Amino acid sequence: MLTGDLYAALASRRVIAGSPAMGLTKMEHYLVLSDDIEATRDFYCGALGMRVGPRPPLEFPGYWLYVGDTPCIHVAEWRSYTAHSQRLGLPVSSRAPGTGAVDHIAFNAEDFDEVLGRLTAHGLTPGRNDVPGAQLCQLFLADPNGVKIEINVRVAAPGQRR
């Protein structure tokens, strides 16, 4: 939760049309705070096929979970991460069901049948949305912490090869 002063400072910044871009290059990672970091790790590695990778020696327990060479999901134990952040004077999200103001995080995948089979093998039954006119199939599920996950799979249009 952002404090009033920090929120006001951020909200007061104006984006000026025609101003140069900030220079962002890509999304780096998403942090999931958890009371059960092992169950969270097992979900992302088992059901979604990520892998545990290198992580610096931080002051709180956790994992960095990789897709390819990118550590896109960071998992931290809630209490120790909160204590660490408070020592540094950094705000921490308050506990809330699901993801609070963030609705979901999304990943791309290539093989719909493989993804669905893997999720099913892990006892998961994702919701499905076929996006009309976009050759896109979406699967929705929740991680052990209530974070909504979207998996997007591009499918070939009739008569096209993928």
C-alpha atoms as a PDB file:
ATOM      1  CA  MET A   1       0.000   0.000   0.000  1.00  0.00           C
ATOM      2  CA  LEU A   2       1.468   3.380  -0.960  1.00  0.00           C
ATOM      3  CA  THR A   3       1.632   5.930   1.817  1.00  0.00           C
ATOM      4  CA  GLY A   4      -0.221   9.214   1.289  1.00  0.00           C
ATOM      5  CA  ASP A   5       2.958  11.258   0.765  1.00  0.00           C
ATOM      6  CA  LEU A   6       4.490   8.783  -1.679  1.00  0.00           C
ATOM      7  CA  TYR A   7       1.226   8.446  -3.610  1.00  0.00           C
ATOM      8  CA  ALA A   8       0.819  12.229  -3.828  1.00  0.00           C
ATOM      9  CA  ALA A   9       4.377  12.606  -5.099  1.00  0.00           C
ATOM     10  CA  LEU A  10       3.842   9.963  -7.774  1.00  0.00           C
ATOM     11  CA  ALA A  11       0.411  11.264  -8.768  1.00  0.00           C
ATOM     12  CA  SER A  12       1.689  14.827  -9.126  1.00  0.00           C
ATOM     13  CA  ARG A  13       4.063  13.867 -11.942  1.00  0.00           C
ATOM     14  CA  ARG A  14       2.578  14.673 -15.318  1.00  0.00           C
ATOM     15  CA  VAL A  15       3.261  12.905 -18.580  1.00  0.00           C
ATOM     16  CA  ILE A  16       3.845  15.522 -21.247  1.00  0.00           C
ATOM     17  CA  ALA A  17       2.808  14.694 -24.803  1.00  0.00           C
ATOM     18  CA  GLY A  18       5.834  14.476 -27.057  1.00  0.00           C
ATOM     19  CA  SER A  19       8.285  14.084 -24.180  1.00  0.00           C
ATOM     20  CA  PRO A  20      11.005  11.487 -24.703  1.00  0.00           C
ATOM     21  CA  ALA A  21      10.314   7.959 -23.510  1.00  0.00           C
ATOM     22  CA  MET A  22      11.727   6.979 -20.137  1.00  0.00           C
ATOM     23  CA  GLY A  23      13.886   4.266 -21.668  1.00  0.00           C
ATOM     24  CA  LEU A  24      12.129   1.235 -20.224  1.00  0.00           C
ATOM     25  CA  THR A  25      13.159  -1.873 -22.099  1.00  0.00           C
ATOM     26  CA  LYS A  26      11.063  -4.735 -20.698  1.00  0.00           C
ATOM     27  CA  MET A  27       9.115  -5.988 -17.731  1.00  0.00           C
ATOM     28  CA  GLU A  28      11.643  -7.355 -15.224  1.00  0.00           C
ATOM     29  CA  HIS A  29       9.734  -9.411 -12.662  1.00  0.00           C
ATOM     30  CA  TYR A  30       6.683  -9.756 -10.484  1.00  0.00           C
ATOM     31  CA  LEU A  31       7.034 -10.305  -6.727  1.00  0.00           C
ATOM     32  CA  VAL A  32       4.661 -12.720  -5.020  1.00  0.00           C
ATOM     33  CA  LEU A  33       4.598 -12.484  -1.221  1.00  0.00           C
ATOM     34  CA  SER A  34       3.691 -15.801   0.356  1.00  0.00           C
ATOM     35  CA  ASP A  35       3.296 -17.515   3.696  1.00  0.00           C
ATOM     36  CA  ASP A  36       4.268 -20.791   1.965  1.00  0.00           C
ATOM     37  CA  ILE A  37       7.149 -20.136  -0.408  1.00  0.00           C
ATOM     38  CA  GLU A  38       7.637 -23.840  -1.141  1.00  0.00           C
ATOM     39  CA  ALA A  39       4.023 -24.343  -2.305  1.00  0.00           C
ATOM     40  CA  THR A  40       4.332 -21.194  -4.414  1.00  0.00           C
ATOM     41  CA  ARG A  41       7.631 -22.403  -5.925  1.00  0.00           C
ATOM     42  CA  ASP A  42       6.119 -25.834  -6.622  1.00  0.00           C
ATOM     43  CA  PHE A  43       3.112 -24.284  -8.396  1.00  0.00           C
ATOM     44  CA  TYR A  44       5.165 -22.108 -10.745  1.00  0.00           C
ATOM     45  CA  CYS A  45       7.779 -24.796 -11.413  1.00  0.00           C
ATOM     46  CA  GLY A  46       5.435 -27.775 -11.596  1.00  0.00           C
ATOM     47  CA  ALA A  47       2.287 -26.404 -13.210  1.00  0.00           C
ATOM     48  CA  LEU A  48       3.853 -23.642 -15.315  1.00  0.00           C
ATOM     49  CA  GLY A  49       7.239 -25.216 -16.052  1.00  0.00           C
ATOM     50  CA  MET A  50       9.442 -22.467 -14.628  1.00  0.00           C
ATOM     51  CA  ARG A  51      12.721 -23.297 -12.942  1.00  0.00           C
ATOM     52  CA  VAL A  52      14.428 -22.085  -9.793  1.00  0.00           C
ATOM     53  CA  GLY A  53      17.518 -20.109 -10.712  1.00  0.00           C
ATOM     54  CA  PRO A  54      20.244 -17.957  -9.214  1.00  0.00           C
ATOM     55  CA  ARG A  55      19.217 -15.487  -6.515  1.00  0.00           C
ATOM     56  CA  PRO A  56      21.487 -13.167  -4.572  1.00  0.00           C
ATOM     57  CA  PRO A  57      21.869 -13.705  -0.805  1.00  0.00           C
ATOM     58  CA  LEU A  58      18.991 -11.485   0.253  1.00  0.00           C
ATOM     59  CA  GLU A  59      17.949 -10.907   3.875  1.00  0.00           C
ATOM     60  CA  PHE A  60      14.719 -12.874   3.524  1.00  0.00           C
ATOM     61  CA  PRO A  61      13.835 -16.366   2.243  1.00  0.00           C
ATOM     62  CA  GLY A  62      12.590 -16.739  -1.297  1.00  0.00           C
ATOM     63  CA  TYR A  63      13.124 -17.956  -4.828  1.00  0.00           C
ATOM     64  CA  TRP A  64      13.711 -16.454  -8.244  1.00  0.00           C
ATOM     65  CA  LEU A  65      11.765 -18.418 -10.844  1.00  0.00           C
ATOM     66  CA  TYR A  66      12.920 -18.295 -14.432  1.00  0.00           C
ATOM     67  CA  VAL A  67      11.397 -18.537 -17.888  1.00  0.00           C
ATOM     68  CA  GLY A  68      14.420 -18.987 -20.128  1.00  0.00           C
ATOM     69  CA  ASP A  69      17.074 -16.569 -18.887  1.00  0.00           C
ATOM     70  CA  THR A  70      14.597 -14.185 -17.225  1.00  0.00           C
ATOM     71  CA  PRO A  71      13.850 -14.370 -13.488  1.00  0.00           C
ATOM     72  CA  CYS A  72      10.270 -13.210 -14.052  1.00  0.00           C
ATOM     73  CA  ILE A  73       8.660 -14.321 -10.768  1.00  0.00           C
ATOM     74  CA  HIS A  74      10.280 -13.522  -7.447  1.00  0.00           C
ATOM     75  CA  VAL A  75       8.813 -15.272  -4.428  1.00  0.00           C
ATOM     76  CA  ALA A  76       9.421 -13.912  -0.917  1.00  0.00           C
ATOM     77  CA  GLU A  77       8.304 -15.022   2.510  1.00  0.00           C
ATOM     78  CA  TRP A  78       5.799 -12.365   3.609  1.00  0.00           C
ATOM     79  CA  ARG A  79       6.849 -11.632   7.211  1.00  0.00           C
ATOM     80  CA  SER A  80      10.611 -11.489   6.703  1.00  0.00           C
ATOM     81  CA  TYR A  81      10.245  -9.486   3.469  1.00  0.00           C
ATOM     82  CA  THR A  82       7.982  -7.001   5.268  1.00  0.00           C
ATOM     83  CA  ALA A  83      10.446  -6.629   8.152  1.00  0.00           C
ATOM     84  CA  HIS A  84      13.331  -6.149   5.684  1.00  0.00           C
ATOM     85  CA  SER A  85      11.431  -3.519   3.689  1.00  0.00           C
ATOM     86  CA  GLN A  86      10.347  -1.668   6.823  1.00  0.00           C
ATOM     87  CA  ARG A  87      13.983  -1.485   7.984  1.00  0.00           C
ATOM     88  CA  LEU A  88      14.769   0.182   4.648  1.00  0.00           C
ATOM     89  CA  GLY A  89      11.775   2.535   4.897  1.00  0.00           C
ATOM     90  CA  LEU A  90      10.106   0.972   1.840  1.00  0.00           C
ATOM     91  CA  PRO A  91       6.334   0.470   1.668  1.00  0.00           C
ATOM     92  CA  VAL A  92       4.969  -3.069   1.455  1.00  0.00           C
ATOM     93  CA  SER A  93       1.611  -4.142   0.055  1.00  0.00           C
ATOM     94  CA  SER A  94      -0.953  -4.907   2.705  1.00  0.00           C
ATOM     95  CA  ARG A  95      -2.558  -8.317   2.742  1.00  0.00           C
ATOM     96  CA  ALA A  96      -5.625  -8.575   0.538  1.00  0.00           C
ATOM     97  CA  PRO A  97      -7.354 -11.423  -1.280  1.00  0.00           C
ATOM     98  CA  GLY A  98      -5.990 -12.063  -4.756  1.00  0.00           C
ATOM     99  CA  THR A  99      -3.861  -9.350  -6.257  1.00  0.00           C
ATOM    100  CA  GLY A 100      -5.387  -6.147  -4.925  1.00  0.00           C
ATOM    101  CA  ALA A 101      -5.409  -3.483  -7.639  1.00  0.00           C
ATOM    102  CA  VAL A 102      -3.476  -5.714 -10.070  1.00  0.00           C
ATOM    103  CA  ASP A 103      -5.930  -8.104 -11.701  1.00  0.00           C
ATOM    104  CA  HIS A 104      -3.559 -10.717 -13.154  1.00  0.00           C
ATOM    105  CA  ILE A 105      -0.173 -11.525 -14.617  1.00  0.00           C
ATOM    106  CA  ALA A 106       0.105 -13.046 -18.071  1.00  0.00           C
ATOM    107  CA  PHE A 107       2.506 -15.335 -19.869  1.00  0.00           C
ATOM    108  CA  ASN A 108       2.761 -16.421 -23.492  1.00  0.00           C
ATOM    109  CA  ALA A 109       2.986 -20.088 -24.436  1.00  0.00           C
ATOM    110  CA  GLU A 110       3.295 -21.947 -27.721  1.00  0.00           C
ATOM    111  CA  ASP A 111       1.575 -25.327 -27.484  1.00  0.00           C
ATOM    112  CA  PHE A 112      -1.995 -25.163 -26.171  1.00  0.00           C
ATOM    113  CA  ASP A 113      -2.414 -28.931 -25.743  1.00  0.00           C
ATOM    114  CA  GLU A 114       0.896 -29.223 -23.861  1.00  0.00           C
ATOM    115  CA  VAL A 115       0.005 -26.323 -21.545  1.00  0.00           C
ATOM    116  CA  LEU A 116      -3.486 -27.634 -20.834  1.00  0.00           C
ATOM    117  CA  GLY A 117      -2.147 -31.167 -20.302  1.00  0.00           C
ATOM    118  CA  ARG A 118       0.479 -29.943 -17.841  1.00  0.00           C
ATOM    119  CA  LEU A 119      -2.057 -27.913 -15.864  1.00  0.00           C
ATOM    120  CA  THR A 120      -4.501 -30.822 -15.790  1.00  0.00           C
ATOM    121  CA  ALA A 121      -1.740 -33.195 -14.662  1.00  0.00           C
ATOM    122  CA  HIS A 122      -1.199 -30.888 -11.691  1.00  0.00           C
ATOM    123  CA  GLY A 123      -4.879 -31.045 -10.736  1.00  0.00           C
ATOM    124  CA  LEU A 124      -5.736 -27.622 -12.151  1.00  0.00           C
ATOM    125  CA  THR A 125      -8.822 -26.814 -14.197  1.00  0.00           C
ATOM    126  CA  PRO A 126      -8.228 -23.454 -15.870  1.00  0.00           C
ATOM    127  CA  GLY A 127     -10.957 -21.220 -17.228  1.00  0.00           C
ATOM    128  CA  ARG A 128     -10.796 -20.725 -20.979  1.00  0.00           C
ATOM    129  CA  ASN A 129     -11.466 -17.753 -23.234  1.00  0.00           C
ATOM    130  CA  ASP A 130     -11.181 -17.931 -27.018  1.00  0.00           C
ATOM    131  CA  VAL A 131     -10.686 -14.361 -28.232  1.00  0.00           C
ATOM    132  CA  PRO A 132     -12.740 -13.885 -31.424  1.00  0.00           C
ATOM    133  CA  GLY A 133     -10.820 -12.600 -34.420  1.00  0.00           C
ATOM    134  CA  ALA A 134      -7.457 -12.695 -32.658  1.00  0.00           C
ATOM    135  CA  GLN A 135      -6.437 -16.360 -33.040  1.00  0.00           C
ATOM    136  CA  LEU A 136      -5.808 -16.272 -29.303  1.00  0.00           C
ATOM    137  CA  CYS A 137      -6.788 -18.764 -26.638  1.00  0.00           C
ATOM    138  CA  GLN A 138      -6.456 -17.732 -23.006  1.00  0.00           C
ATOM    139  CA  LEU A 139      -6.330 -19.930 -19.927  1.00  0.00           C
ATOM    140  CA  PHE A 140      -6.954 -18.513 -16.454  1.00  0.00           C
ATOM    141  CA  LEU A 141      -6.066 -20.013 -13.082  1.00  0.00           C
ATOM    142  CA  ALA A 142      -4.873 -18.919  -9.642  1.00  0.00           C
ATOM    143  CA  ASP A 143      -1.612 -19.635  -7.849  1.00  0.00           C
ATOM    144  CA  PRO A 144      -1.624 -20.857  -4.210  1.00  0.00           C
ATOM    145  CA  ASN A 145      -1.717 -17.213  -3.020  1.00  0.00           C
ATOM    146  CA  GLY A 146      -4.760 -16.224  -5.077  1.00  0.00           C
ATOM    147  CA  VAL A 147      -2.772 -14.456  -7.807  1.00  0.00           C
ATOM    148  CA  LYS A 148      -4.661 -14.770 -11.091  1.00  0.00           C
ATOM    149  CA  ILE A 149      -2.505 -16.161 -13.910  1.00  0.00           C
ATOM    150  CA  GLU A 150      -3.339 -15.778 -17.608  1.00  0.00           C
ATOM    151  CA  ILE A 151      -1.655 -17.933 -20.239  1.00  0.00           C
ATOM    152  CA  ASN A 152      -1.994 -16.736 -23.837  1.00  0.00           C
ATOM    153  CA  VAL A 153      -1.539 -19.168 -26.708  1.00  0.00           C
ATOM    154  CA  ARG A 154      -1.670 -17.942 -30.302  1.00  0.00           C
ATOM    155  CA  VAL A 155      -3.492 -20.419 -32.494  1.00  0.00           C
ATOM    156  CA  ALA A 156      -3.356 -20.599 -36.266  1.00  0.00           C
ATOM    157  CA  ALA A 157      -6.302 -19.256 -38.195  1.00  0.00           C
ATOM    158  CA  PRO A 158      -8.179 -21.885 -40.211  1.00  0.00           C
ATOM    159  CA  GLY A 159      -6.091 -22.774 -43.262  1.00  0.00           C
ATOM    160  CA  GLN A 160      -2.868 -21.340 -41.792  1.00  0.00           C
ATOM    161  CA  ARG A 161       0.078 -23.173 -40.327  1.00  0.00           C
ATOM    162  CA  ARG A 162       1.508 -22.046 -37.062  1.00  0.00           C
END
